[in-house]
């Protein structure tokens, strides 16, 4: 292994957490912002009973229809909530993952169970920050949303439904994200073992591995994502006089089956894969780039300090 490869994989303990958190925050914000229009389409296509004006035939039809009748701005409604939540959520997420991956695998490459376990635990911290942001985001994304800003949406939810509304889907979110992240990280590390066994910085393999990992994880957890959307949006058609709000995973599964049957659990699958593949590719590419860049900067600074100290000692 040459000097550059060793530089990429090794990092002084004092700066590793800061590096991972900063790189993770940038990766999370970048991923969500770039792919946000596709996320909007996914949310709408998961509706139980979509408005006739928002009953899209596919991803391309959805984007064209939204652009034509609602304008470009409606594809990014709610993005402020995501930016506010994705930064700290992904900072903790990647820092926790890197730390636990190293501890659980004892620094050994190829231990995919350790990678999966680290991803699952990191997901808990991520979802604590992202769940409220997801609720606001998806309420804003729905067709005909009455809210003008994320702040107005958040205050309205808090007043009418209480704080519990922001975590109504938390159990479902965890039930989805734990297997999602397990499949995601195991697929990423497995693909990296095949495409980039030396683990040097390689943008192409990071992007390809991220895209494959995102597609596998998205398909495996699709039914749970549909349930999460229902719990977050609380579509009016799903509520009756006897049921004020849909609460819990079981109620969500039953409601979706009642309205759409088995196919309802995979509504918006194409949109989700279209969103998730480039999103995870972008996330990993940004993360690995800043991880490499910051490590290189740390190493250059360390060398400069050593040379300066050596020169000072020589003069003495």
C-alpha atoms as a PDB file:
ATOM      1  CA  UNK A   1       0.000   0.000   0.000  1.00  0.00           C
ATOM      2  CA  UNK A   2       1.457   3.369  -1.024  1.00  0.00           C
ATOM      3  CA  UNK A   3       1.636   6.505   1.084  1.00  0.00           C
ATOM      4  CA  UNK A   4      -1.598   8.049  -0.311  1.00  0.00           C
ATOM      5  CA  UNK A   5      -3.612   4.901   0.383  1.00  0.00           C
ATOM      6  CA  UNK A   6      -2.284   4.699   3.922  1.00  0.00           C
ATOM      7  CA  UNK A   7      -3.137   8.360   4.399  1.00  0.00           C
ATOM      8  CA  UNK A   8      -6.746   7.700   3.362  1.00  0.00           C
ATOM      9  CA  UNK A   9      -7.314   4.791   5.726  1.00  0.00           C
ATOM     10  CA  UNK A  10      -5.450   6.092   8.799  1.00  0.00           C
ATOM     11  CA  UNK A  11      -6.412   9.084  10.887  1.00  0.00           C
ATOM     12  CA  UNK A  12      -5.140  10.366  14.231  1.00  0.00           C
ATOM     13  CA  UNK A  13      -7.722   9.589  16.968  1.00  0.00           C
ATOM     14  CA  UNK A  14      -7.869  13.206  18.059  1.00  0.00           C
ATOM     15  CA  UNK A  15      -9.364  14.410  14.770  1.00  0.00           C
ATOM     16  CA  UNK A  16     -11.335  11.388  13.500  1.00  0.00           C
ATOM     17  CA  UNK A  17     -14.693  12.222  15.126  1.00  0.00           C
ATOM     18  CA  UNK A  18     -14.612  15.834  13.946  1.00  0.00           C
ATOM     19  CA  UNK A  19     -13.651  14.728  10.446  1.00  0.00           C
ATOM     20  CA  UNK A  20     -16.412  12.142  10.219  1.00  0.00           C
ATOM     21  CA  UNK A  21     -19.037  14.510  11.619  1.00  0.00           C
ATOM     22  CA  UNK A  22     -18.127  17.359   9.261  1.00  0.00           C
ATOM     23  CA  UNK A  23     -17.902  15.102   6.220  1.00  0.00           C
ATOM     24  CA  UNK A  24     -21.142  13.354   7.216  1.00  0.00           C
ATOM     25  CA  UNK A  25     -23.046  16.620   7.631  1.00  0.00           C
ATOM     26  CA  UNK A  26     -21.973  17.825   4.188  1.00  0.00           C
ATOM     27  CA  UNK A  27     -22.831  14.445   2.665  1.00  0.00           C
ATOM     28  CA  UNK A  28     -26.316  14.434   4.201  1.00  0.00           C
ATOM     29  CA  UNK A  29     -27.215  17.962   3.132  1.00  0.00           C
ATOM     30  CA  UNK A  30     -25.794  17.397  -0.361  1.00  0.00           C
ATOM     31  CA  UNK A  31     -27.638  14.114  -0.838  1.00  0.00           C
ATOM     32  CA  UNK A  32     -31.047  15.473   0.189  1.00  0.00           C
ATOM     33  CA  UNK A  33     -30.785  18.785  -1.664  1.00  0.00           C
ATOM     34  CA  UNK A  34     -29.684  17.376  -5.023  1.00  0.00           C
ATOM     35  CA  UNK A  35     -32.312  14.611  -5.075  1.00  0.00           C
ATOM     36  CA  UNK A  36     -35.155  16.498  -3.391  1.00  0.00           C
ATOM     37  CA  UNK A  37     -37.483  16.733  -6.451  1.00  0.00           C
ATOM     38  CA  UNK A  38     -37.444  12.925  -6.752  1.00  0.00           C
ATOM     39  CA  UNK A  39     -38.210  12.654  -3.044  1.00  0.00           C
ATOM     40  CA  UNK A  40     -41.231  14.907  -3.604  1.00  0.00           C
ATOM     41  CA  UNK A  41     -42.434  12.637  -6.426  1.00  0.00           C
ATOM     42  CA  UNK A  42     -41.956   9.546  -4.247  1.00  0.00           C
ATOM     43  CA  UNK A  43     -44.061  11.011  -1.442  1.00  0.00           C
ATOM     44  CA  UNK A  44     -46.897  11.920  -3.801  1.00  0.00           C
ATOM     45  CA  UNK A  45     -46.867   8.567  -5.580  1.00  0.00           C
ATOM     46  CA  UNK A  46     -47.273   6.796  -2.242  1.00  0.00           C
ATOM     47  CA  UNK A  47     -50.628   8.505  -1.618  1.00  0.00           C
ATOM     48  CA  UNK A  48     -53.512   6.116  -0.886  1.00  0.00           C
ATOM     49  CA  UNK A  49     -56.072   8.109  -2.858  1.00  0.00           C
ATOM     50  CA  UNK A  50     -54.229  10.725  -4.905  1.00  0.00           C
ATOM     51  CA  UNK A  51     -55.948  13.823  -6.183  1.00  0.00           C
ATOM     52  CA  UNK A  52     -56.933  13.317  -9.875  1.00  0.00           C
ATOM     53  CA  UNK A  53     -54.552  16.157 -10.740  1.00  0.00           C
ATOM     54  CA  UNK A  54     -51.720  14.366  -8.931  1.00  0.00           C
ATOM     55  CA  UNK A  55     -52.355  10.793 -10.101  1.00  0.00           C
ATOM     56  CA  UNK A  56     -49.121  10.263 -11.998  1.00  0.00           C
ATOM     57  CA  UNK A  57     -48.296   7.405 -14.378  1.00  0.00           C
ATOM     58  CA  UNK A  58     -44.620   7.373 -13.495  1.00  0.00           C
ATOM     59  CA  UNK A  59     -41.636   9.408 -12.345  1.00  0.00           C
ATOM     60  CA  UNK A  60     -41.175  11.296 -15.622  1.00  0.00           C
ATOM     61  CA  UNK A  61     -44.894  12.059 -15.888  1.00  0.00           C
ATOM     62  CA  UNK A  62     -44.907  13.310 -12.288  1.00  0.00           C
ATOM     63  CA  UNK A  63     -41.976  15.672 -12.788  1.00  0.00           C
ATOM     64  CA  UNK A  64     -43.358  17.037 -16.078  1.00  0.00           C
ATOM     65  CA  UNK A  65     -46.837  17.521 -14.598  1.00  0.00           C
ATOM     66  CA  UNK A  66     -45.529  19.301 -11.497  1.00  0.00           C
ATOM     67  CA  UNK A  67     -43.245  21.552 -13.568  1.00  0.00           C
ATOM     68  CA  UNK A  68     -46.062  22.398 -15.976  1.00  0.00           C
ATOM     69  CA  UNK A  69     -48.927  23.038 -13.568  1.00  0.00           C
ATOM     70  CA  UNK A  70     -47.275  23.952 -10.253  1.00  0.00           C
ATOM     71  CA  UNK A  71     -43.887  25.317 -11.173  1.00  0.00           C
ATOM     72  CA  UNK A  72     -40.351  24.308 -10.258  1.00  0.00           C
ATOM     73  CA  UNK A  73     -40.709  25.728  -6.745  1.00  0.00           C
ATOM     74  CA  UNK A  74     -43.241  23.087  -5.715  1.00  0.00           C
ATOM     75  CA  UNK A  75     -40.707  20.298  -6.201  1.00  0.00           C
ATOM     76  CA  UNK A  76     -38.583  21.729  -3.380  1.00  0.00           C
ATOM     77  CA  UNK A  77     -41.309  22.648  -0.887  1.00  0.00           C
ATOM     78  CA  UNK A  78     -40.157  21.612   2.584  1.00  0.00           C
ATOM     79  CA  UNK A  79     -36.464  21.481   1.715  1.00  0.00           C
ATOM     80  CA  UNK A  80     -35.660  23.831   4.620  1.00  0.00           C
ATOM     81  CA  UNK A  81     -36.760  21.199   7.141  1.00  0.00           C
ATOM     82  CA  UNK A  82     -34.481  18.627   5.520  1.00  0.00           C
ATOM     83  CA  UNK A  83     -31.462  20.936   5.507  1.00  0.00           C
ATOM     84  CA  UNK A  84     -32.015  21.709   9.193  1.00  0.00           C
ATOM     85  CA  UNK A  85     -32.348  18.049  10.124  1.00  0.00           C
ATOM     86  CA  UNK A  86     -29.940  16.351   7.716  1.00  0.00           C
ATOM     87  CA  UNK A  87     -26.824  18.196   8.896  1.00  0.00           C
ATOM     88  CA  UNK A  88     -26.758  17.098  12.549  1.00  0.00           C
ATOM     89  CA  UNK A  89     -28.455  13.758  11.788  1.00  0.00           C
ATOM     90  CA  UNK A  90     -25.841  12.680   9.241  1.00  0.00           C
ATOM     91  CA  UNK A  91     -22.983  14.086  11.305  1.00  0.00           C
ATOM     92  CA  UNK A  92     -23.904  11.763  14.189  1.00  0.00           C
ATOM     93  CA  UNK A  93     -24.793   8.972  11.780  1.00  0.00           C
ATOM     94  CA  UNK A  94     -21.421   8.726  10.014  1.00  0.00           C
ATOM     95  CA  UNK A  95     -19.343   9.447  13.108  1.00  0.00           C
ATOM     96  CA  UNK A  96     -21.159   6.732  15.054  1.00  0.00           C
ATOM     97  CA  UNK A  97     -20.896   4.293  12.146  1.00  0.00           C
ATOM     98  CA  UNK A  98     -17.152   4.789  11.670  1.00  0.00           C
ATOM     99  CA  UNK A  99     -16.468   4.438  15.404  1.00  0.00           C
ATOM    100  CA  UNK A 100     -18.591   1.314  15.860  1.00  0.00           C
ATOM    101  CA  UNK A 101     -17.383  -0.276  12.626  1.00  0.00           C
ATOM    102  CA  UNK A 102     -13.822  -0.030  13.877  1.00  0.00           C
ATOM    103  CA  UNK A 103     -14.716  -1.364  17.345  1.00  0.00           C
ATOM    104  CA  UNK A 104     -16.978  -4.227  16.255  1.00  0.00           C
ATOM    105  CA  UNK A 105     -14.708  -5.471  13.474  1.00  0.00           C
ATOM    106  CA  UNK A 106     -11.462  -4.952  15.426  1.00  0.00           C
ATOM    107  CA  UNK A 107     -10.171  -3.041  12.424  1.00  0.00           C
ATOM    108  CA  UNK A 108     -10.495  -6.071  10.135  1.00  0.00           C
ATOM    109  CA  UNK A 109     -11.749  -5.585   6.582  1.00  0.00           C
ATOM    110  CA  UNK A 110     -14.542  -7.832   5.255  1.00  0.00           C
ATOM    111  CA  UNK A 111     -16.516  -8.226   8.504  1.00  0.00           C
ATOM    112  CA  UNK A 112     -19.906  -7.382   6.975  1.00  0.00           C
ATOM    113  CA  UNK A 113     -21.921  -8.341  10.053  1.00  0.00           C
ATOM    114  CA  UNK A 114     -19.998  -5.739  12.041  1.00  0.00           C
ATOM    115  CA  UNK A 115     -20.687  -3.164   9.319  1.00  0.00           C
ATOM    116  CA  UNK A 116     -24.394  -3.989   9.399  1.00  0.00           C
ATOM    117  CA  UNK A 117     -24.563  -3.809  13.195  1.00  0.00           C
ATOM    118  CA  UNK A 118     -22.730  -0.467  13.233  1.00  0.00           C
ATOM    119  CA  UNK A 119     -25.158   0.893  10.647  1.00  0.00           C
ATOM    120  CA  UNK A 120     -28.175  -0.220  12.684  1.00  0.00           C
ATOM    121  CA  UNK A 121     -26.996   1.484  15.860  1.00  0.00           C
ATOM    122  CA  UNK A 122     -26.021   4.669  14.013  1.00  0.00           C
ATOM    123  CA  UNK A 123     -29.533   4.770  12.558  1.00  0.00           C
ATOM    124  CA  UNK A 124     -31.052   5.345  15.997  1.00  0.00           C
ATOM    125  CA  UNK A 125     -29.194   8.647  16.440  1.00  0.00           C
ATOM    126  CA  UNK A 126     -29.970   9.660  12.864  1.00  0.00           C
ATOM    127  CA  UNK A 127     -33.721   9.074  13.188  1.00  0.00           C
ATOM    128  CA  UNK A 128     -34.038  10.968  16.460  1.00  0.00           C
ATOM    129  CA  UNK A 129     -33.075  14.135  14.558  1.00  0.00           C
ATOM    130  CA  UNK A 130     -34.627  13.368  11.175  1.00  0.00           C
ATOM    131  CA  UNK A 131     -38.092  12.118  12.151  1.00  0.00           C
ATOM    132  CA  UNK A 132     -39.579  15.577  12.955  1.00  0.00           C
ATOM    133  CA  UNK A 133     -37.959  16.987   9.808  1.00  0.00           C
ATOM    134  CA  UNK A 134     -39.480  14.160   7.745  1.00  0.00           C
ATOM    135  CA  UNK A 135     -42.963  14.868   9.098  1.00  0.00           C
ATOM    136  CA  UNK A 136     -42.766  18.544   8.133  1.00  0.00           C
ATOM    137  CA  UNK A 137     -41.135  17.749   4.804  1.00  0.00           C
ATOM    138  CA  UNK A 138     -43.777  15.219   3.733  1.00  0.00           C
ATOM    139  CA  UNK A 139     -46.685  17.420   4.817  1.00  0.00           C
ATOM    140  CA  UNK A 140     -45.200  20.163   2.641  1.00  0.00           C
ATOM    141  CA  UNK A 141     -44.662  17.798  -0.297  1.00  0.00           C
ATOM    142  CA  UNK A 142     -48.261  16.552  -0.543  1.00  0.00           C
ATOM    143  CA  UNK A 143     -50.375  17.909  -3.386  1.00  0.00           C
ATOM    144  CA  UNK A 144     -52.471  20.872  -2.266  1.00  0.00           C
ATOM    145  CA  UNK A 145     -50.523  21.310   0.980  1.00  0.00           C
ATOM    146  CA  UNK A 146     -51.992  24.315   2.853  1.00  0.00           C
ATOM    147  CA  UNK A 147     -48.687  25.302   4.456  1.00  0.00           C
ATOM    148  CA  UNK A 148     -46.570  28.135   3.058  1.00  0.00           C
ATOM    149  CA  UNK A 149     -43.406  27.591   5.098  1.00  0.00           C
ATOM    150  CA  UNK A 150     -41.798  24.841   7.159  1.00  0.00           C
ATOM    151  CA  UNK A 151     -42.152  26.986  10.290  1.00  0.00           C
ATOM    152  CA  UNK A 152     -45.897  27.427   9.706  1.00  0.00           C
ATOM    153  CA  UNK A 153     -46.265  23.694   9.111  1.00  0.00           C
ATOM    154  CA  UNK A 154     -44.366  22.762  12.271  1.00  0.00           C
ATOM    155  CA  UNK A 155     -46.340  25.174  14.467  1.00  0.00           C
ATOM    156  CA  UNK A 156     -49.653  23.983  13.007  1.00  0.00           C
ATOM    157  CA  UNK A 157     -48.812  20.327  13.644  1.00  0.00           C
ATOM    158  CA  UNK A 158     -47.701  21.120  17.192  1.00  0.00           C
ATOM    159  CA  UNK A 159     -50.915  23.036  17.974  1.00  0.00           C
ATOM    160  CA  UNK A 160     -53.413  20.629  16.395  1.00  0.00           C
ATOM    161  CA  UNK A 161     -51.792  17.239  17.005  1.00  0.00           C
ATOM    162  CA  UNK A 162     -49.257  17.813  19.754  1.00  0.00           C
ATOM    163  CA  UNK A 163     -45.582  16.807  19.990  1.00  0.00           C
ATOM    164  CA  UNK A 164     -46.468  13.145  19.480  1.00  0.00           C
ATOM    165  CA  UNK A 165     -47.183  13.901  15.800  1.00  0.00           C
ATOM    166  CA  UNK A 166     -43.484  14.417  15.128  1.00  0.00           C
ATOM    167  CA  UNK A 167     -42.694  10.911  16.350  1.00  0.00           C
ATOM    168  CA  UNK A 168     -45.860   9.059  15.318  1.00  0.00           C
ATOM    169  CA  UNK A 169     -43.871   7.216  12.645  1.00  0.00           C
ATOM    170  CA  UNK A 170     -40.713   6.780  14.736  1.00  0.00           C
ATOM    171  CA  UNK A 171     -41.235   3.062  15.422  1.00  0.00           C
ATOM    172  CA  UNK A 172     -41.984   2.425  11.764  1.00  0.00           C
ATOM    173  CA  UNK A 173     -39.067   4.618  10.735  1.00  0.00           C
ATOM    174  CA  UNK A 174     -36.711   2.597  12.902  1.00  0.00           C
ATOM    175  CA  UNK A 175     -38.252  -0.684  11.740  1.00  0.00           C
ATOM    176  CA  UNK A 176     -37.551   0.441   8.182  1.00  0.00           C
ATOM    177  CA  UNK A 177     -34.187   2.140   8.644  1.00  0.00           C
ATOM    178  CA  UNK A 178     -32.555  -0.562  10.752  1.00  0.00           C
ATOM    179  CA  UNK A 179     -32.832  -3.214   7.998  1.00  0.00           C
ATOM    180  CA  UNK A 180     -32.357  -0.479   5.363  1.00  0.00           C
ATOM    181  CA  UNK A 181     -29.051   0.627   6.850  1.00  0.00           C
ATOM    182  CA  UNK A 182     -27.950  -2.930   7.547  1.00  0.00           C
ATOM    183  CA  UNK A 183     -28.486  -3.832   3.869  1.00  0.00           C
ATOM    184  CA  UNK A 184     -27.102  -0.452   2.792  1.00  0.00           C
ATOM    185  CA  UNK A 185     -23.800  -0.646   4.678  1.00  0.00           C
ATOM    186  CA  UNK A 186     -23.273  -4.359   4.057  1.00  0.00           C
ATOM    187  CA  UNK A 187     -23.902  -3.870   0.327  1.00  0.00           C
ATOM    188  CA  UNK A 188     -21.607  -0.844   0.205  1.00  0.00           C
ATOM    189  CA  UNK A 189     -18.755  -2.543   2.041  1.00  0.00           C
ATOM    190  CA  UNK A 190     -19.209  -5.767   0.046  1.00  0.00           C
ATOM    191  CA  UNK A 191     -19.112  -3.880  -3.261  1.00  0.00           C
ATOM    192  CA  UNK A 192     -16.089  -1.915  -2.076  1.00  0.00           C
ATOM    193  CA  UNK A 193     -14.322  -5.177  -1.201  1.00  0.00           C
ATOM    194  CA  UNK A 194     -14.850  -6.265  -4.804  1.00  0.00           C
ATOM    195  CA  UNK A 195     -14.239  -3.000  -6.678  1.00  0.00           C
ATOM    196  CA  UNK A 196     -11.769  -1.292  -4.350  1.00  0.00           C
ATOM    197  CA  UNK A 197     -10.129  -3.902  -2.086  1.00  0.00           C
ATOM    198  CA  UNK A 198      -7.252  -1.595  -1.111  1.00  0.00           C
ATOM    199  CA  UNK A 199      -9.786   1.041   0.019  1.00  0.00           C
ATOM    200  CA  UNK A 200      -7.907   3.910  -1.569  1.00  0.00           C
ATOM    201  CA  UNK A 201      -9.843   7.057  -2.432  1.00  0.00           C
ATOM    202  CA  UNK A 202     -11.591   6.314  -5.743  1.00  0.00           C
ATOM    203  CA  UNK A 203     -14.622   8.491  -6.622  1.00  0.00           C
ATOM    204  CA  UNK A 204     -15.928   6.087  -9.263  1.00  0.00           C
ATOM    205  CA  UNK A 205     -16.051   3.014  -7.021  1.00  0.00           C
ATOM    206  CA  UNK A 206     -17.518   5.032  -4.132  1.00  0.00           C
ATOM    207  CA  UNK A 207     -20.321   6.260  -6.395  1.00  0.00           C
ATOM    208  CA  UNK A 208     -21.033   2.846  -7.925  1.00  0.00           C
ATOM    209  CA  UNK A 209     -20.988   1.115  -4.543  1.00  0.00           C
ATOM    210  CA  UNK A 210     -23.294   3.748  -3.081  1.00  0.00           C
ATOM    211  CA  UNK A 211     -25.789   3.421  -5.940  1.00  0.00           C
ATOM    212  CA  UNK A 212     -25.909  -0.387  -5.682  1.00  0.00           C
ATOM    213  CA  UNK A 213     -26.284  -0.223  -1.900  1.00  0.00           C
ATOM    214  CA  UNK A 214     -29.098   2.324  -2.180  1.00  0.00           C
ATOM    215  CA  UNK A 215     -31.060   0.272  -4.710  1.00  0.00           C
ATOM    216  CA  UNK A 216     -30.793  -2.950  -2.674  1.00  0.00           C
ATOM    217  CA  UNK A 217     -31.843  -1.255   0.559  1.00  0.00           C
ATOM    218  CA  UNK A 218     -34.702   0.676  -1.087  1.00  0.00           C
ATOM    219  CA  UNK A 219     -36.264  -2.441  -2.581  1.00  0.00           C
ATOM    220  CA  UNK A 220     -35.907  -4.491   0.606  1.00  0.00           C
ATOM    221  CA  UNK A 221     -37.706  -1.933   2.800  1.00  0.00           C
ATOM    222  CA  UNK A 222     -40.280  -0.442   0.407  1.00  0.00           C
ATOM    223  CA  UNK A 223     -43.476  -1.540   2.266  1.00  0.00           C
ATOM    224  CA  UNK A 224     -42.244   0.101   5.452  1.00  0.00           C
ATOM    225  CA  UNK A 225     -41.501   3.345   3.606  1.00  0.00           C
ATOM    226  CA  UNK A 226     -45.108   3.473   2.346  1.00  0.00           C
ATOM    227  CA  UNK A 227     -46.318   2.974   5.929  1.00  0.00           C
ATOM    228  CA  UNK A 228     -44.014   5.724   7.159  1.00  0.00           C
ATOM    229  CA  UNK A 229     -45.386   8.139   4.557  1.00  0.00           C
ATOM    230  CA  UNK A 230     -48.966   7.412   5.634  1.00  0.00           C
ATOM    231  CA  UNK A 231     -48.121   7.932   9.307  1.00  0.00           C
ATOM    232  CA  UNK A 232     -46.351  11.209   8.527  1.00  0.00           C
ATOM    233  CA  UNK A 233     -48.934  12.666   6.149  1.00  0.00           C
ATOM    234  CA  UNK A 234     -52.111  11.321   7.825  1.00  0.00           C
ATOM    235  CA  UNK A 235     -54.119  11.450   4.583  1.00  0.00           C
ATOM    236  CA  UNK A 236     -57.700  12.546   5.249  1.00  0.00           C
ATOM    237  CA  UNK A 237     -59.141   9.651   3.245  1.00  0.00           C
ATOM    238  CA  UNK A 238     -57.581   7.181   5.680  1.00  0.00           C
ATOM    239  CA  UNK A 239     -59.336   8.671   8.717  1.00  0.00           C
ATOM    240  CA  UNK A 240     -62.943   8.129   9.733  1.00  0.00           C
ATOM    241  CA  UNK A 241     -65.209   9.413  12.512  1.00  0.00           C
ATOM    242  CA  UNK A 242     -64.021   6.566  14.744  1.00  0.00           C
ATOM    243  CA  UNK A 243     -60.322   7.006  13.894  1.00  0.00           C
ATOM    244  CA  UNK A 244     -58.866  10.486  14.336  1.00  0.00           C
ATOM    245  CA  UNK A 245     -55.316   9.554  13.342  1.00  0.00           C
ATOM    246  CA  UNK A 246     -53.497   6.497  12.033  1.00  0.00           C
ATOM    247  CA  UNK A 247     -51.168   5.368  14.815  1.00  0.00           C
ATOM    248  CA  UNK A 248     -48.654   2.548  14.672  1.00  0.00           C
ATOM    249  CA  UNK A 249     -47.247   0.247  12.055  1.00  0.00           C
ATOM    250  CA  UNK A 250     -50.058  -2.316  12.265  1.00  0.00           C
ATOM    251  CA  UNK A 251     -52.740   0.308  11.618  1.00  0.00           C
ATOM    252  CA  UNK A 252     -50.729   1.675   8.696  1.00  0.00           C
ATOM    253  CA  UNK A 253     -50.330  -1.769   7.114  1.00  0.00           C
ATOM    254  CA  UNK A 254     -54.053  -2.478   7.497  1.00  0.00           C
ATOM    255  CA  UNK A 255     -55.089   0.891   6.062  1.00  0.00           C
ATOM    256  CA  UNK A 256     -52.849   0.545   3.016  1.00  0.00           C
ATOM    257  CA  UNK A 257     -54.145  -2.956   2.322  1.00  0.00           C
ATOM    258  CA  UNK A 258     -57.740  -1.751   2.697  1.00  0.00           C
ATOM    259  CA  UNK A 259     -57.285   0.983   0.080  1.00  0.00           C
ATOM    260  CA  UNK A 260     -54.749  -0.518  -2.337  1.00  0.00           C
ATOM    261  CA  UNK A 261     -54.285  -4.211  -1.602  1.00  0.00           C
ATOM    262  CA  UNK A 262     -50.850  -5.803  -1.807  1.00  0.00           C
ATOM    263  CA  UNK A 263     -49.743  -3.511  -4.637  1.00  0.00           C
ATOM    264  CA  UNK A 264     -50.158  -0.563  -2.272  1.00  0.00           C
ATOM    265  CA  UNK A 265     -47.028  -1.604  -0.391  1.00  0.00           C
ATOM    266  CA  UNK A 266     -44.956  -0.966  -3.511  1.00  0.00           C
ATOM    267  CA  UNK A 267     -46.551   2.260  -4.742  1.00  0.00           C
ATOM    268  CA  UNK A 268     -43.791   4.617  -5.782  1.00  0.00           C
ATOM    269  CA  UNK A 269     -41.095   1.907  -5.884  1.00  0.00           C
ATOM    270  CA  UNK A 270     -39.597   3.206  -9.134  1.00  0.00           C
ATOM    271  CA  UNK A 271     -39.536   6.744  -7.753  1.00  0.00           C
ATOM    272  CA  UNK A 272     -37.870   5.555  -4.560  1.00  0.00           C
ATOM    273  CA  UNK A 273     -35.153   3.659  -6.431  1.00  0.00           C
ATOM    274  CA  UNK A 274     -34.682   6.637  -8.801  1.00  0.00           C
ATOM    275  CA  UNK A 275     -34.215   8.773  -5.701  1.00  0.00           C
ATOM    276  CA  UNK A 276     -32.187   6.381  -3.568  1.00  0.00           C
ATOM    277  CA  UNK A 277     -29.569   5.207  -6.085  1.00  0.00           C
ATOM    278  CA  UNK A 278     -28.131   8.636  -6.952  1.00  0.00           C
ATOM    279  CA  UNK A 279     -28.807   9.909  -3.423  1.00  0.00           C
ATOM    280  CA  UNK A 280     -26.629   7.266  -1.759  1.00  0.00           C
ATOM    281  CA  UNK A 281     -24.058   7.570  -4.539  1.00  0.00           C
ATOM    282  CA  UNK A 282     -23.859  11.333  -3.926  1.00  0.00           C
ATOM    283  CA  UNK A 283     -23.805  10.865  -0.151  1.00  0.00           C
ATOM    284  CA  UNK A 284     -20.932   8.384  -0.187  1.00  0.00           C
ATOM    285  CA  UNK A 285     -19.016  10.354  -2.844  1.00  0.00           C
ATOM    286  CA  UNK A 286     -19.220  13.578  -0.837  1.00  0.00           C
ATOM    287  CA  UNK A 287     -18.465  11.805   2.428  1.00  0.00           C
ATOM    288  CA  UNK A 288     -15.447   9.903   1.092  1.00  0.00           C
ATOM    289  CA  UNK A 289     -14.110  13.026  -0.636  1.00  0.00           C
ATOM    290  CA  UNK A 290     -14.203  15.190   2.485  1.00  0.00           C
ATOM    291  CA  UNK A 291     -12.965  12.311   4.600  1.00  0.00           C
ATOM    292  CA  UNK A 292      -9.942  12.031   2.286  1.00  0.00           C
ATOM    293  CA  UNK A 293      -9.482  15.798   1.953  1.00  0.00           C
ATOM    294  CA  UNK A 294      -9.640  16.456   5.697  1.00  0.00           C
ATOM    295  CA  UNK A 295      -7.332  13.562   6.489  1.00  0.00           C
ATOM    296  CA  UNK A 296      -4.830  14.822   3.948  1.00  0.00           C
ATOM    297  CA  UNK A 297      -5.018  18.310   5.466  1.00  0.00           C
ATOM    298  CA  UNK A 298      -4.470  16.875   8.952  1.00  0.00           C
ATOM    299  CA  UNK A 299      -1.470  14.915   7.722  1.00  0.00           C
ATOM    300  CA  UNK A 300       0.028  17.933   5.948  1.00  0.00           C
ATOM    301  CA  UNK A 301      -0.398  20.025   9.109  1.00  0.00           C
ATOM    302  CA  UNK A 302       1.190  17.290  11.220  1.00  0.00           C
ATOM    303  CA  UNK A 303       4.183  17.129   8.880  1.00  0.00           C
ATOM    304  CA  UNK A 304       4.536  20.923   8.955  1.00  0.00           C
ATOM    305  CA  UNK A 305       4.497  20.957  12.778  1.00  0.00           C
ATOM    306  CA  UNK A 306       7.065  18.147  12.924  1.00  0.00           C
ATOM    307  CA  UNK A 307       9.391  19.955  10.498  1.00  0.00           C
ATOM    308  CA  UNK A 308       8.964  23.237  12.407  1.00  0.00           C
ATOM    309  CA  UNK A 309       9.705  21.510  15.721  1.00  0.00           C
ATOM    310  CA  UNK A 310      12.729  19.769  14.229  1.00  0.00           C
ATOM    311  CA  UNK A 311      14.093  23.033  12.864  1.00  0.00           C
ATOM    312  CA  UNK A 312      13.575  24.715  16.220  1.00  0.00           C
ATOM    313  CA  UNK A 313      15.360  21.871  18.021  1.00  0.00           C
ATOM    314  CA  UNK A 314      18.265  22.046  15.580  1.00  0.00           C
ATOM    315  CA  UNK A 315      18.676  25.771  16.145  1.00  0.00           C
ATOM    316  CA  UNK A 316      18.697  25.242  19.898  1.00  0.00           C
END
